[in-house]
Amino acid sequence: MARRTQRERYAQRERQALCDLLLELGPDQPTLCTGWTTRDLAAHLVARDRKPQALPGLAVPRLHGITERVERATRDAHSYEDLVALVRAGAPVWHPARIPAVDEAINHVEYFIHHEDVRRAQPAWKPRDLDAATRDKLWRPLRLIGNRGFRKSPVGVVAERTDGVGRLVLRSGTGQVVLAGAAPELLLYAFNRREQAVVDVRGNQTAVADFLAAPAGL
């Protein structure tokens, strides 16, 4: 039971580690989210947790302007330290994410990605040495996320783990590339953090060129 509880709290561990890093770096540091500083990222996470009116724009592109306005208002209404404190506190009592299983389901990928968005925007970053259970957890959502992330690829896309046993067909098509890397790196690559993800793109020259030239799906 203790091992199960530990696995289920991965989202909370990432949330707390991200908050520690945000406080360490301050409000004006870059992130991998284009145009966002650490202050902007903290405001995004607060709005996601606490402002229901911000949520539709996270899924529906034509509503994204509403989300941006809510995030800006959230950013401007709080000091940076208060924003980070709100992120650290997590969702309010009325939010389904107060249930640990729901929190884990909807937040473990979100907080891993955004933690790395901050880490990898800093000089001399290195991939973290994550334990096997955590790497496995980050492998499991790759099929769904990869289907979306590579939906614009003109060639087939296969993900192949180098830190364990695992191979997923993420997109079928004429020609094929293989993305080889550790599970966390493949997840980052699928989320369009391609320049910072440690992933080897394998295949014939034409397939690789066509794949790299295609726009990202996310």
N, C-alpha and C. Protein backbone atom coordinates (compact mmCIF):
# COMPACT_ATOMS: atom_id res chain seq x y z
N MET A 1 0.83 -1.21 0.00
CA MET A 1 0.00 0.00 0.00
C MET A 1 0.86 1.26 0.00
N ALA A 2 1.96 1.25 0.76
CA ALA A 2 2.83 2.43 0.80
C ALA A 2 3.42 2.71 -0.58
N ARG A 3 3.81 1.65 -1.30
CA ARG A 3 4.38 1.86 -2.62
C ARG A 3 3.35 2.44 -3.57
N ARG A 4 2.10 1.97 -3.48
CA ARG A 4 1.05 2.49 -4.33
C ARG A 4 0.80 3.97 -4.05
N THR A 5 0.76 4.35 -2.79
CA THR A 5 0.54 5.74 -2.43
C THR A 5 1.66 6.62 -2.97
N GLN A 6 2.88 6.13 -2.89
CA GLN A 6 4.01 6.90 -3.39
C GLN A 6 3.88 7.14 -4.89
N ARG A 7 3.49 6.13 -5.65
CA ARG A 7 3.32 6.30 -7.08
C ARG A 7 2.20 7.29 -7.39
N GLU A 8 1.12 7.23 -6.62
CA GLU A 8 -0.02 8.08 -6.90
C GLU A 8 0.26 9.55 -6.61
N ARG A 9 1.30 9.85 -5.87
CA ARG A 9 1.58 11.24 -5.50
C ARG A 9 2.67 11.86 -6.37
N TYR A 10 2.93 11.28 -7.51
CA TYR A 10 3.95 11.84 -8.38
C TYR A 10 3.63 13.29 -8.76
N ALA A 11 2.36 13.57 -9.08
CA ALA A 11 1.98 14.93 -9.47
C ALA A 11 2.31 15.93 -8.37
N GLN A 12 2.07 15.54 -7.13
CA GLN A 12 2.38 16.44 -6.02
C GLN A 12 3.88 16.65 -5.87
N ARG A 13 4.66 15.62 -6.06
CA ARG A 13 6.11 15.77 -5.95
C ARG A 13 6.63 16.73 -7.03
N GLU A 14 6.11 16.59 -8.24
CA GLU A 14 6.54 17.50 -9.31
C GLU A 14 6.08 18.92 -9.04
N ARG A 15 4.87 19.08 -8.54
CA ARG A 15 4.35 20.41 -8.21
C ARG A 15 5.26 21.10 -7.19
N GLN A 16 5.60 20.38 -6.12
CA GLN A 16 6.42 20.99 -5.06
C GLN A 16 7.83 21.29 -5.56
N ALA A 17 8.39 20.39 -6.36
CA ALA A 17 9.74 20.63 -6.89
C ALA A 17 9.74 21.82 -7.84
N LEU A 18 8.70 21.94 -8.66
CA LEU A 18 8.60 23.10 -9.55
C LEU A 18 8.50 24.39 -8.74
N CYS A 19 7.70 24.40 -7.69
CA CYS A 19 7.58 25.60 -6.87
C CYS A 19 8.90 25.98 -6.22
N ASP A 20 9.63 25.00 -5.74
CA ASP A 20 10.95 25.28 -5.17
C ASP A 20 11.85 25.95 -6.21
N LEU A 21 11.82 25.44 -7.43
CA LEU A 21 12.67 26.00 -8.49
C LEU A 21 12.20 27.40 -8.88
N LEU A 22 10.90 27.61 -8.96
CA LEU A 22 10.39 28.94 -9.29
C LEU A 22 10.85 29.98 -8.27
N LEU A 23 10.80 29.64 -7.00
CA LEU A 23 11.26 30.58 -5.97
C LEU A 23 12.76 30.80 -6.06
N GLU A 24 13.48 29.75 -6.34
CA GLU A 24 14.94 29.87 -6.45
C GLU A 24 15.34 30.81 -7.59
N LEU A 25 14.63 30.72 -8.72
CA LEU A 25 15.02 31.47 -9.91
C LEU A 25 14.47 32.89 -9.95
N GLY A 26 13.29 33.11 -9.38
CA GLY A 26 12.68 34.42 -9.44
C GLY A 26 11.72 34.57 -10.62
N PRO A 27 11.08 35.73 -10.74
CA PRO A 27 9.95 35.88 -11.65
C PRO A 27 10.27 36.13 -13.11
N ASP A 28 11.49 36.46 -13.44
CA ASP A 28 11.79 36.97 -14.78
C ASP A 28 12.69 36.05 -15.60
N GLN A 29 12.77 34.80 -15.21
CA GLN A 29 13.60 33.85 -15.94
C GLN A 29 12.83 33.27 -17.13
N PRO A 30 13.55 32.89 -18.18
CA PRO A 30 12.88 32.31 -19.35
C PRO A 30 12.37 30.91 -19.07
N THR A 31 11.45 30.46 -19.89
CA THR A 31 10.97 29.08 -19.88
C THR A 31 10.96 28.59 -21.32
N LEU A 32 10.66 27.33 -21.50
CA LEU A 32 10.52 26.79 -22.86
C LEU A 32 9.18 27.15 -23.49
N CYS A 33 8.26 27.71 -22.73
CA CYS A 33 6.97 28.15 -23.27
C CYS A 33 7.20 29.51 -23.93
N THR A 34 7.05 29.57 -25.23
CA THR A 34 7.41 30.75 -26.00
C THR A 34 6.75 32.01 -25.44
N GLY A 35 7.59 32.98 -25.10
CA GLY A 35 7.10 34.26 -24.61
C GLY A 35 6.78 34.31 -23.14
N TRP A 36 6.89 33.19 -22.46
CA TRP A 36 6.54 33.15 -21.03
C TRP A 36 7.79 33.21 -20.16
N THR A 37 7.72 34.05 -19.14
CA THR A 37 8.70 34.01 -18.06
C THR A 37 8.20 33.06 -16.97
N THR A 38 9.01 32.90 -15.95
CA THR A 38 8.57 32.08 -14.82
C THR A 38 7.32 32.66 -14.16
N ARG A 39 7.18 33.98 -14.14
CA ARG A 39 5.96 34.59 -13.60
C ARG A 39 4.74 34.20 -14.44
N ASP A 40 4.87 34.25 -15.75
CA ASP A 40 3.76 33.88 -16.63
C ASP A 40 3.36 32.42 -16.44
N LEU A 41 4.34 31.56 -16.30
CA LEU A 41 4.05 30.14 -16.11
C LEU A 41 3.32 29.92 -14.79
N ALA A 42 3.77 30.58 -13.73
CA ALA A 42 3.09 30.45 -12.44
C ALA A 42 1.65 30.93 -12.55
N ALA A 43 1.41 32.04 -13.24
CA ALA A 43 0.05 32.55 -13.41
C ALA A 43 -0.81 31.57 -14.19
N HIS A 44 -0.24 30.95 -15.21
CA HIS A 44 -0.97 29.93 -15.98
C HIS A 44 -1.42 28.79 -15.08
N LEU A 45 -0.54 28.33 -14.22
CA LEU A 45 -0.88 27.19 -13.35
C LEU A 45 -1.92 27.58 -12.31
N VAL A 46 -1.84 28.80 -11.79
CA VAL A 46 -2.86 29.25 -10.85
C VAL A 46 -4.22 29.33 -11.54
N ALA A 47 -4.25 29.90 -12.74
CA ALA A 47 -5.51 30.00 -13.47
C ALA A 47 -6.07 28.62 -13.79
N ARG A 48 -5.22 27.70 -14.15
CA ARG A 48 -5.66 26.34 -14.46
C ARG A 48 -6.28 25.67 -13.24
N ASP A 49 -5.72 25.92 -12.07
CA ASP A 49 -6.23 25.33 -10.83
C ASP A 49 -7.49 26.02 -10.32
N ARG A 50 -7.58 27.35 -10.50
CA ARG A 50 -8.53 28.13 -9.70
C ARG A 50 -9.51 28.97 -10.52
N LYS A 51 -9.36 29.03 -11.83
CA LYS A 51 -10.21 29.88 -12.65
C LYS A 51 -10.90 29.02 -13.72
N PRO A 52 -12.10 28.51 -13.43
CA PRO A 52 -12.77 27.63 -14.40
C PRO A 52 -12.98 28.28 -15.76
N GLN A 53 -13.13 29.60 -15.79
CA GLN A 53 -13.35 30.28 -17.06
C GLN A 53 -12.14 30.22 -17.98
N ALA A 54 -10.98 29.85 -17.42
CA ALA A 54 -9.78 29.73 -18.24
C ALA A 54 -9.68 28.39 -18.95
N LEU A 55 -10.43 27.40 -18.50
CA LEU A 55 -10.22 26.03 -18.97
C LEU A 55 -10.63 25.79 -20.41
N PRO A 56 -11.77 26.29 -20.91
CA PRO A 56 -12.15 25.96 -22.29
C PRO A 56 -11.09 26.34 -23.32
N GLY A 57 -10.43 27.47 -23.11
CA GLY A 57 -9.41 27.91 -24.06
C GLY A 57 -8.17 27.05 -24.08
N LEU A 58 -7.98 26.20 -23.07
CA LEU A 58 -6.85 25.28 -23.08
C LEU A 58 -7.07 24.14 -24.05
N ALA A 59 -8.34 23.89 -24.40
CA ALA A 59 -8.67 22.78 -25.30
C ALA A 59 -9.21 23.24 -26.64
N VAL A 60 -9.82 24.42 -26.69
CA VAL A 60 -10.45 24.92 -27.92
C VAL A 60 -9.69 26.16 -28.38
N PRO A 61 -8.94 26.07 -29.48
CA PRO A 61 -8.08 27.19 -29.89
C PRO A 61 -8.81 28.52 -30.04
N ARG A 62 -10.03 28.52 -30.56
CA ARG A 62 -10.70 29.81 -30.79
C ARG A 62 -11.11 30.50 -29.48
N LEU A 63 -11.05 29.78 -28.38
CA LEU A 63 -11.35 30.37 -27.07
C LEU A 63 -10.08 30.72 -26.29
N HIS A 64 -8.94 30.57 -26.93
CA HIS A 64 -7.68 30.77 -26.19
C HIS A 64 -7.51 32.21 -25.73
N GLY A 65 -8.11 33.15 -26.46
CA GLY A 65 -8.01 34.54 -26.03
C GLY A 65 -8.60 34.78 -24.66
N ILE A 66 -9.68 34.06 -24.35
CA ILE A 66 -10.28 34.17 -23.01
C ILE A 66 -9.29 33.69 -21.96
N THR A 67 -8.67 32.55 -22.23
CA THR A 67 -7.69 32.00 -21.29
C THR A 67 -6.54 32.97 -21.07
N GLU A 68 -6.05 33.56 -22.15
CA GLU A 68 -4.94 34.51 -22.02
C GLU A 68 -5.33 35.71 -21.16
N ARG A 69 -6.55 36.20 -21.32
CA ARG A 69 -6.98 37.34 -20.51
C ARG A 69 -7.07 36.97 -19.03
N VAL A 70 -7.57 35.78 -18.76
CA VAL A 70 -7.66 35.32 -17.36
C VAL A 70 -6.27 35.17 -16.77
N GLU A 71 -5.35 34.61 -17.55
CA GLU A 71 -3.99 34.41 -17.05
C GLU A 71 -3.29 35.75 -16.79
N ARG A 72 -3.49 36.71 -17.68
CA ARG A 72 -2.88 38.04 -17.45
C ARG A 72 -3.45 38.70 -16.21
N ALA A 73 -4.77 38.60 -16.04
CA ALA A 73 -5.39 39.19 -14.85
C ALA A 73 -4.89 38.51 -13.58
N THR A 74 -4.72 37.21 -13.64
CA THR A 74 -4.19 36.47 -12.49
C THR A 74 -2.76 36.89 -12.18
N ARG A 75 -1.96 37.02 -13.22
CA ARG A 75 -0.56 37.45 -13.05
C ARG A 75 -0.49 38.83 -12.41
N ASP A 76 -1.33 39.74 -12.87
CA ASP A 76 -1.25 41.12 -12.40
C ASP A 76 -1.87 41.33 -11.02
N ALA A 77 -2.68 40.37 -10.57
CA ALA A 77 -3.38 40.52 -9.29
C ALA A 77 -2.57 40.05 -8.10
N HIS A 78 -1.45 39.38 -8.35
CA HIS A 78 -0.69 38.77 -7.25
C HIS A 78 0.80 39.07 -7.40
N SER A 79 1.48 39.13 -6.29
CA SER A 79 2.94 39.13 -6.34
C SER A 79 3.42 37.77 -6.82
N TYR A 80 4.65 37.73 -7.27
CA TYR A 80 5.22 36.46 -7.73
C TYR A 80 5.23 35.43 -6.61
N GLU A 81 5.62 35.85 -5.42
CA GLU A 81 5.67 34.92 -4.29
C GLU A 81 4.29 34.35 -3.99
N ASP A 82 3.26 35.19 -4.10
CA ASP A 82 1.90 34.70 -3.84
C ASP A 82 1.44 33.75 -4.94
N LEU A 83 1.81 34.03 -6.18
CA LEU A 83 1.48 33.10 -7.26
C LEU A 83 2.08 31.73 -7.00
N VAL A 84 3.35 31.70 -6.63
CA VAL A 84 4.00 30.41 -6.37
C VAL A 84 3.35 29.72 -5.17
N ALA A 85 2.98 30.49 -4.15
CA ALA A 85 2.31 29.89 -2.99
C ALA A 85 0.98 29.27 -3.39
N LEU A 86 0.25 29.91 -4.30
CA LEU A 86 -1.02 29.35 -4.77
C LEU A 86 -0.80 28.08 -5.59
N VAL A 87 0.24 28.08 -6.41
CA VAL A 87 0.57 26.85 -7.14
C VAL A 87 0.90 25.74 -6.16
N ARG A 88 1.70 26.04 -5.17
CA ARG A 88 2.11 25.04 -4.19
C ARG A 88 0.91 24.48 -3.42
N ALA A 89 -0.05 25.34 -3.11
CA ALA A 89 -1.23 24.91 -2.35
C ALA A 89 -2.13 23.98 -3.15
N GLY A 90 -2.05 24.05 -4.45
CA GLY A 90 -2.86 23.17 -5.28
C GLY A 90 -4.27 23.69 -5.48
N ALA A 91 -5.10 22.83 -6.03
CA ALA A 91 -6.47 23.22 -6.37
C ALA A 91 -7.28 23.49 -5.10
N PRO A 92 -8.28 24.38 -5.19
CA PRO A 92 -9.13 24.66 -4.03
C PRO A 92 -10.03 23.49 -3.69
N VAL A 93 -10.73 23.58 -2.58
CA VAL A 93 -11.48 22.44 -2.05
C VAL A 93 -12.58 21.97 -2.98
N TRP A 94 -13.13 22.85 -3.81
CA TRP A 94 -14.22 22.47 -4.70
C TRP A 94 -13.74 21.76 -5.97
N HIS A 95 -12.46 21.76 -6.21
CA HIS A 95 -11.91 21.24 -7.47
C HIS A 95 -11.76 19.72 -7.39
N PRO A 96 -12.14 18.99 -8.45
CA PRO A 96 -11.96 17.53 -8.43
C PRO A 96 -10.53 17.08 -8.18
N ALA A 97 -9.55 17.92 -8.52
CA ALA A 97 -8.15 17.55 -8.32
C ALA A 97 -7.76 17.45 -6.86
N ARG A 98 -8.64 17.84 -5.94
CA ARG A 98 -8.37 17.59 -4.53
C ARG A 98 -8.41 16.11 -4.21
N ILE A 99 -9.04 15.33 -5.06
CA ILE A 99 -9.03 13.87 -4.92
C ILE A 99 -7.70 13.37 -5.47
N PRO A 100 -6.88 12.68 -4.69
CA PRO A 100 -5.55 12.31 -5.15
C PRO A 100 -5.51 11.59 -6.49
N ALA A 101 -6.45 10.67 -6.72
CA ALA A 101 -6.43 9.93 -7.99
C ALA A 101 -6.71 10.85 -9.17
N VAL A 102 -7.59 11.82 -8.99
CA VAL A 102 -7.88 12.78 -10.06
C VAL A 102 -6.68 13.69 -10.28
N ASP A 103 -6.09 14.16 -9.20
CA ASP A 103 -4.89 14.99 -9.29
C ASP A 103 -3.82 14.28 -10.09
N GLU A 104 -3.61 13.02 -9.79
CA GLU A 104 -2.58 12.26 -10.49
C GLU A 104 -2.91 12.13 -11.97
N ALA A 105 -4.18 11.87 -12.27
CA ALA A 105 -4.58 11.65 -13.65
C ALA A 105 -4.43 12.89 -14.52
N ILE A 106 -4.77 14.06 -13.97
CA ILE A 106 -4.78 15.26 -14.81
C ILE A 106 -3.54 16.13 -14.66
N ASN A 107 -2.71 15.85 -13.66
CA ASN A 107 -1.61 16.77 -13.38
C ASN A 107 -0.22 16.17 -13.49
N HIS A 108 -0.07 14.85 -13.50
CA HIS A 108 1.31 14.34 -13.43
C HIS A 108 2.09 14.69 -14.69
N VAL A 109 1.45 14.65 -15.86
CA VAL A 109 2.14 15.04 -17.08
C VAL A 109 2.32 16.56 -17.13
N GLU A 110 1.27 17.30 -16.79
CA GLU A 110 1.32 18.77 -16.80
C GLU A 110 2.50 19.29 -15.98
N TYR A 111 2.68 18.77 -14.79
CA TYR A 111 3.72 19.31 -13.92
C TYR A 111 5.10 18.79 -14.28
N PHE A 112 5.19 17.59 -14.83
CA PHE A 112 6.48 17.15 -15.35
C PHE A 112 6.93 18.06 -16.48
N ILE A 113 6.04 18.30 -17.45
CA ILE A 113 6.40 19.11 -18.60
C ILE A 113 6.79 20.52 -18.17
N HIS A 114 6.00 21.15 -17.31
CA HIS A 114 6.30 22.53 -16.93
C HIS A 114 7.52 22.62 -16.01
N HIS A 115 7.76 21.61 -15.20
CA HIS A 115 9.00 21.59 -14.42
C HIS A 115 10.20 21.60 -15.37
N GLU A 116 10.12 20.76 -16.40
CA GLU A 116 11.22 20.72 -17.37
C GLU A 116 11.27 22.00 -18.21
N ASP A 117 10.12 22.64 -18.45
CA ASP A 117 10.13 23.92 -19.16
C ASP A 117 10.99 24.95 -18.44
N VAL A 118 10.97 24.91 -17.13
CA VAL A 118 11.79 25.84 -16.35
C VAL A 118 13.23 25.34 -16.28
N ARG A 119 13.42 24.07 -15.94
CA ARG A 119 14.77 23.52 -15.79
C ARG A 119 15.59 23.71 -17.07
N ARG A 120 14.98 23.34 -18.21
CA ARG A 120 15.75 23.26 -19.45
C ARG A 120 15.90 24.60 -20.16
N ALA A 121 15.29 25.63 -19.62
CA ALA A 121 15.54 26.97 -20.13
C ALA A 121 16.74 27.62 -19.45
N GLN A 122 17.30 26.94 -18.46
CA GLN A 122 18.45 27.47 -17.71
C GLN A 122 19.74 26.91 -18.30
N PRO A 123 20.85 27.63 -18.13
CA PRO A 123 22.12 27.13 -18.66
C PRO A 123 22.55 25.82 -17.99
N ALA A 124 23.23 25.01 -18.76
CA ALA A 124 23.89 23.80 -18.25
C ALA A 124 22.92 22.81 -17.61
N TRP A 125 21.68 22.76 -18.10
CA TRP A 125 20.75 21.76 -17.57
C TRP A 125 21.19 20.37 -18.02
N LYS A 126 20.74 19.38 -17.27
CA LYS A 126 20.95 17.98 -17.62
C LYS A 126 19.65 17.22 -17.34
N PRO A 127 19.38 16.14 -18.08
CA PRO A 127 18.20 15.33 -17.75
C PRO A 127 18.31 14.81 -16.33
N ARG A 128 17.17 14.75 -15.65
CA ARG A 128 17.16 14.21 -14.29
C ARG A 128 17.31 12.70 -14.31
N ASP A 129 17.88 12.18 -13.24
CA ASP A 129 18.02 10.73 -13.07
C ASP A 129 16.76 10.22 -12.36
N LEU A 130 15.72 9.95 -13.13
CA LEU A 130 14.44 9.52 -12.57
C LEU A 130 14.44 8.01 -12.35
N ASP A 131 13.73 7.57 -11.32
CA ASP A 131 13.67 6.14 -11.03
C ASP A 131 12.81 5.43 -12.07
N ALA A 132 12.93 4.10 -12.09
CA ALA A 132 12.26 3.30 -13.12
C ALA A 132 10.75 3.45 -13.07
N ALA A 133 10.17 3.48 -11.88
CA ALA A 133 8.72 3.61 -11.76
C ALA A 133 8.23 4.93 -12.34
N THR A 134 8.97 5.99 -12.11
CA THR A 134 8.59 7.29 -12.66
C THR A 134 8.72 7.30 -14.17
N ARG A 135 9.79 6.71 -14.70
CA ARG A 135 9.95 6.65 -16.15
C ARG A 135 8.83 5.84 -16.79
N ASP A 136 8.45 4.74 -16.15
CA ASP A 136 7.33 3.93 -16.67
C ASP A 136 6.04 4.74 -16.67
N LYS A 137 5.84 5.52 -15.64
CA LYS A 137 4.63 6.34 -15.54
C LYS A 137 4.58 7.38 -16.66
N LEU A 138 5.71 7.91 -17.04
CA LEU A 138 5.76 8.90 -18.11
C LEU A 138 5.70 8.26 -19.49
N TRP A 139 5.93 6.97 -19.58
CA TRP A 139 5.79 6.25 -20.84
C TRP A 139 4.33 5.98 -21.17
N ARG A 140 3.53 5.70 -20.17
CA ARG A 140 2.16 5.24 -20.40
C ARG A 140 1.29 6.24 -21.18
N PRO A 141 1.36 7.54 -20.91
CA PRO A 141 0.50 8.45 -21.68
C PRO A 141 1.01 8.78 -23.07
N LEU A 142 2.14 8.21 -23.47
CA LEU A 142 2.76 8.63 -24.72
C LEU A 142 1.92 8.27 -25.94
N ARG A 143 1.19 7.16 -25.90
CA ARG A 143 0.40 6.78 -27.07
C ARG A 143 -0.63 7.86 -27.41
N LEU A 144 -1.40 8.27 -26.41
CA LEU A 144 -2.42 9.29 -26.65
C LEU A 144 -1.79 10.62 -27.04
N ILE A 145 -0.79 11.04 -26.29
CA ILE A 145 -0.18 12.34 -26.56
C ILE A 145 0.57 12.33 -27.88
N GLY A 146 1.24 11.21 -28.17
CA GLY A 146 1.97 11.11 -29.43
C GLY A 146 1.06 11.13 -30.63
N ASN A 147 -0.11 10.51 -30.53
CA ASN A 147 -1.07 10.54 -31.64
C ASN A 147 -1.43 11.98 -31.99
N ARG A 148 -1.58 12.81 -30.98
CA ARG A 148 -1.89 14.23 -31.22
C ARG A 148 -0.65 15.01 -31.64
N GLY A 149 0.46 14.74 -30.98
CA GLY A 149 1.66 15.52 -31.23
C GLY A 149 2.24 15.32 -32.62
N PHE A 150 1.99 14.15 -33.21
CA PHE A 150 2.57 13.85 -34.52
C PHE A 150 1.51 13.68 -35.60
N ARG A 151 0.31 14.20 -35.37
CA ARG A 151 -0.78 13.99 -36.33
C ARG A 151 -0.53 14.69 -37.66
N LYS A 152 0.36 15.66 -37.70
CA LYS A 152 0.66 16.36 -38.95
C LYS A 152 1.88 15.79 -39.67
N SER A 153 2.45 14.74 -39.11
CA SER A 153 3.62 14.14 -39.74
C SER A 153 3.23 13.46 -41.05
N PRO A 154 3.97 13.69 -42.13
CA PRO A 154 3.68 13.03 -43.40
C PRO A 154 4.19 11.60 -43.47
N VAL A 155 4.92 11.18 -42.46
CA VAL A 155 5.46 9.81 -42.42
C VAL A 155 5.06 9.15 -41.12
N GLY A 156 5.18 7.83 -41.08
CA GLY A 156 4.89 7.11 -39.86
C GLY A 156 5.88 7.45 -38.76
N VAL A 157 5.41 7.35 -37.52
CA VAL A 157 6.25 7.69 -36.36
C VAL A 157 6.16 6.57 -35.34
N VAL A 158 7.31 6.06 -34.93
CA VAL A 158 7.40 5.01 -33.92
C VAL A 158 8.26 5.54 -32.77
N ALA A 159 7.82 5.33 -31.55
CA ALA A 159 8.61 5.68 -30.37
C ALA A 159 9.23 4.41 -29.80
N GLU A 160 10.50 4.46 -29.49
CA GLU A 160 11.22 3.29 -28.98
C GLU A 160 12.02 3.70 -27.74
N ARG A 161 11.74 3.04 -26.63
CA ARG A 161 12.44 3.36 -25.39
C ARG A 161 13.88 2.88 -25.42
N THR A 162 14.75 3.68 -24.86
CA THR A 162 16.13 3.25 -24.65
C THR A 162 16.42 3.02 -23.17
N ASP A 163 15.43 3.28 -22.31
CA ASP A 163 15.61 3.10 -20.87
C ASP A 163 14.74 1.97 -20.35
N GLY A 164 14.28 1.12 -21.21
CA GLY A 164 13.41 0.01 -20.84
C GLY A 164 12.84 -0.62 -22.09
N VAL A 165 11.92 -1.54 -21.91
CA VAL A 165 11.30 -2.22 -23.04
C VAL A 165 10.02 -1.49 -23.40
N GLY A 166 9.92 -1.06 -24.62
CA GLY A 166 8.71 -0.38 -25.06
C GLY A 166 8.85 0.15 -26.47
N ARG A 167 7.82 -0.08 -27.26
CA ARG A 167 7.80 0.40 -28.65
C ARG A 167 6.34 0.71 -28.99
N LEU A 168 6.08 1.92 -29.48
CA LEU A 168 4.73 2.35 -29.81
C LEU A 168 4.68 2.92 -31.21
N VAL A 169 3.68 2.51 -31.97
CA VAL A 169 3.40 3.15 -33.26
C VAL A 169 2.50 4.35 -32.97
N LEU A 170 3.04 5.54 -33.15
CA LEU A 170 2.30 6.76 -32.84
C LEU A 170 1.57 7.32 -34.05
N ARG A 171 2.06 6.98 -35.23
CA ARG A 171 1.38 7.38 -36.46
C ARG A 171 1.78 6.42 -37.57
N SER A 172 0.81 5.96 -38.31
CA SER A 172 1.08 5.11 -39.47
C SER A 172 1.21 6.00 -40.70
N GLY A 173 1.98 5.52 -41.66
CA GLY A 173 2.13 6.30 -42.89
C GLY A 173 3.18 5.71 -43.79
N THR A 174 3.26 6.25 -44.99
CA THR A 174 4.28 5.83 -45.94
C THR A 174 5.63 6.38 -45.48
N GLY A 175 6.61 5.49 -45.39
CA GLY A 175 7.86 5.89 -44.78
C GLY A 175 7.72 5.89 -43.28
N GLN A 176 8.84 5.95 -42.59
CA GLN A 176 8.77 5.86 -41.13
C GLN A 176 10.03 6.43 -40.50
N VAL A 177 9.83 7.09 -39.37
CA VAL A 177 10.96 7.46 -38.52
C VAL A 177 10.77 6.80 -37.17
N VAL A 178 11.88 6.52 -36.51
CA VAL A 178 11.87 5.97 -35.16
C VAL A 178 12.46 7.03 -34.23
N LEU A 179 11.72 7.37 -33.21
CA LEU A 179 12.19 8.28 -32.17
C LEU A 179 12.71 7.45 -31.02
N ALA A 180 14.00 7.49 -30.78
CA ALA A 180 14.63 6.66 -29.76
C ALA A 180 15.10 7.53 -28.60
N GLY A 181 14.67 7.16 -27.40
CA GLY A 181 15.08 7.92 -26.23
C GLY A 181 14.46 7.36 -24.97
N ALA A 182 14.86 7.89 -23.84
CA ALA A 182 14.23 7.52 -22.57
C ALA A 182 12.79 8.03 -22.55
N ALA A 183 11.95 7.36 -21.79
CA ALA A 183 10.52 7.70 -21.77
C ALA A 183 10.27 9.19 -21.48
N PRO A 184 10.92 9.79 -20.48
CA PRO A 184 10.66 11.22 -20.24
C PRO A 184 11.04 12.10 -21.43
N GLU A 185 12.11 11.74 -22.12
CA GLU A 185 12.55 12.53 -23.27
C GLU A 185 11.57 12.40 -24.43
N LEU A 186 11.05 11.20 -24.64
CA LEU A 186 10.06 11.00 -25.70
C LEU A 186 8.79 11.79 -25.42
N LEU A 187 8.39 11.85 -24.15
CA LEU A 187 7.20 12.62 -23.80
C LEU A 187 7.43 14.11 -24.08
N LEU A 188 8.58 14.61 -23.70
CA LEU A 188 8.90 16.01 -23.99
C LEU A 188 8.92 16.27 -25.49
N TYR A 189 9.46 15.34 -26.25
CA TYR A 189 9.51 15.50 -27.70
C TYR A 189 8.10 15.56 -28.27
N ALA A 190 7.21 14.70 -27.78
CA ALA A 190 5.82 14.70 -28.26
C ALA A 190 5.11 16.00 -27.93
N PHE A 191 5.52 16.67 -26.86
CA PHE A 191 4.95 17.96 -26.48
C PHE A 191 5.68 19.12 -27.15
N ASN A 192 6.42 18.83 -28.20
CA ASN A 192 7.08 19.86 -29.02
C ASN A 192 8.18 20.59 -28.27
N ARG A 193 8.82 19.92 -27.33
CA ARG A 193 10.05 20.45 -26.74
C ARG A 193 11.22 19.76 -27.46
N ARG A 194 11.22 19.83 -28.77
CA ARG A 194 12.11 19.00 -29.57
C ARG A 194 13.58 19.38 -29.42
N GLU A 195 13.86 20.66 -29.35
CA GLU A 195 15.26 21.08 -29.28
C GLU A 195 15.90 20.71 -27.96
N GLN A 196 15.10 20.57 -26.91
CA GLN A 196 15.65 20.27 -25.59
C GLN A 196 15.50 18.80 -25.21
N ALA A 197 14.72 18.03 -25.94
CA ALA A 197 14.55 16.62 -25.61
C ALA A 197 15.71 15.81 -26.18
N VAL A 198 16.22 14.88 -25.39
CA VAL A 198 17.35 14.05 -25.81
C VAL A 198 16.78 12.83 -26.53
N VAL A 199 16.52 13.01 -27.82
CA VAL A 199 15.88 11.99 -28.64
C VAL A 199 16.64 11.89 -29.96
N ASP A 200 16.86 10.65 -30.40
CA ASP A 200 17.52 10.38 -31.67
C ASP A 200 16.45 10.06 -32.71
N VAL A 201 16.42 10.81 -33.81
CA VAL A 201 15.46 10.57 -34.89
C VAL A 201 16.14 9.71 -35.94
N ARG A 202 15.63 8.49 -36.11
CA ARG A 202 16.26 7.51 -37.00
C ARG A 202 15.35 7.21 -38.18
N GLY A 203 15.96 6.94 -39.31
CA GLY A 203 15.21 6.59 -40.51
C GLY A 203 16.00 6.99 -41.73
N ASN A 204 15.44 6.71 -42.91
CA ASN A 204 16.17 7.12 -44.11
C ASN A 204 16.12 8.65 -44.24
N GLN A 205 17.03 9.17 -45.03
CA GLN A 205 17.23 10.62 -45.07
C GLN A 205 15.97 11.38 -45.47
N THR A 206 15.23 10.85 -46.44
CA THR A 206 14.03 11.53 -46.91
C THR A 206 12.95 11.55 -45.84
N ALA A 207 12.74 10.40 -45.20
CA ALA A 207 11.70 10.32 -44.16
C ALA A 207 12.02 11.25 -43.00
N VAL A 208 13.28 11.27 -42.58
CA VAL A 208 13.67 12.14 -41.47
C VAL A 208 13.48 13.61 -41.84
N ALA A 209 13.88 13.97 -43.06
CA ALA A 209 13.74 15.36 -43.49
C ALA A 209 12.27 15.78 -43.55
N ASP A 210 11.42 14.90 -44.08
CA ASP A 210 9.99 15.21 -44.17
C ASP A 210 9.38 15.34 -42.78
N PHE A 211 9.78 14.46 -41.89
CA PHE A 211 9.26 14.52 -40.51
C PHE A 211 9.67 15.81 -39.83
N LEU A 212 10.93 16.16 -39.92
CA LEU A 212 11.42 17.35 -39.22
C LEU A 212 10.85 18.64 -39.81
N ALA A 213 10.48 18.61 -41.08
CA ALA A 213 9.93 19.81 -41.72
C ALA A 213 8.46 20.03 -41.41
N ALA A 214 7.77 19.00 -40.93
CA ALA A 214 6.34 19.11 -40.68
C ALA A 214 6.08 19.90 -39.41
N PRO A 215 4.97 20.64 -39.35
CA PRO A 215 4.63 21.36 -38.11
C PRO A 215 4.26 20.40 -37.00
N ALA A 216 4.47 20.83 -35.77
CA ALA A 216 4.09 20.00 -34.62
C ALA A 216 2.58 19.98 -34.48
N GLY A 217 2.07 18.90 -33.91
CA GLY A 217 0.63 18.78 -33.72
C GLY A 217 0.13 19.44 -32.45
N LEU A 218 1.01 19.67 -31.48
CA LEU A 218 0.61 20.31 -30.23
C LEU A 218 1.16 21.73 -30.16
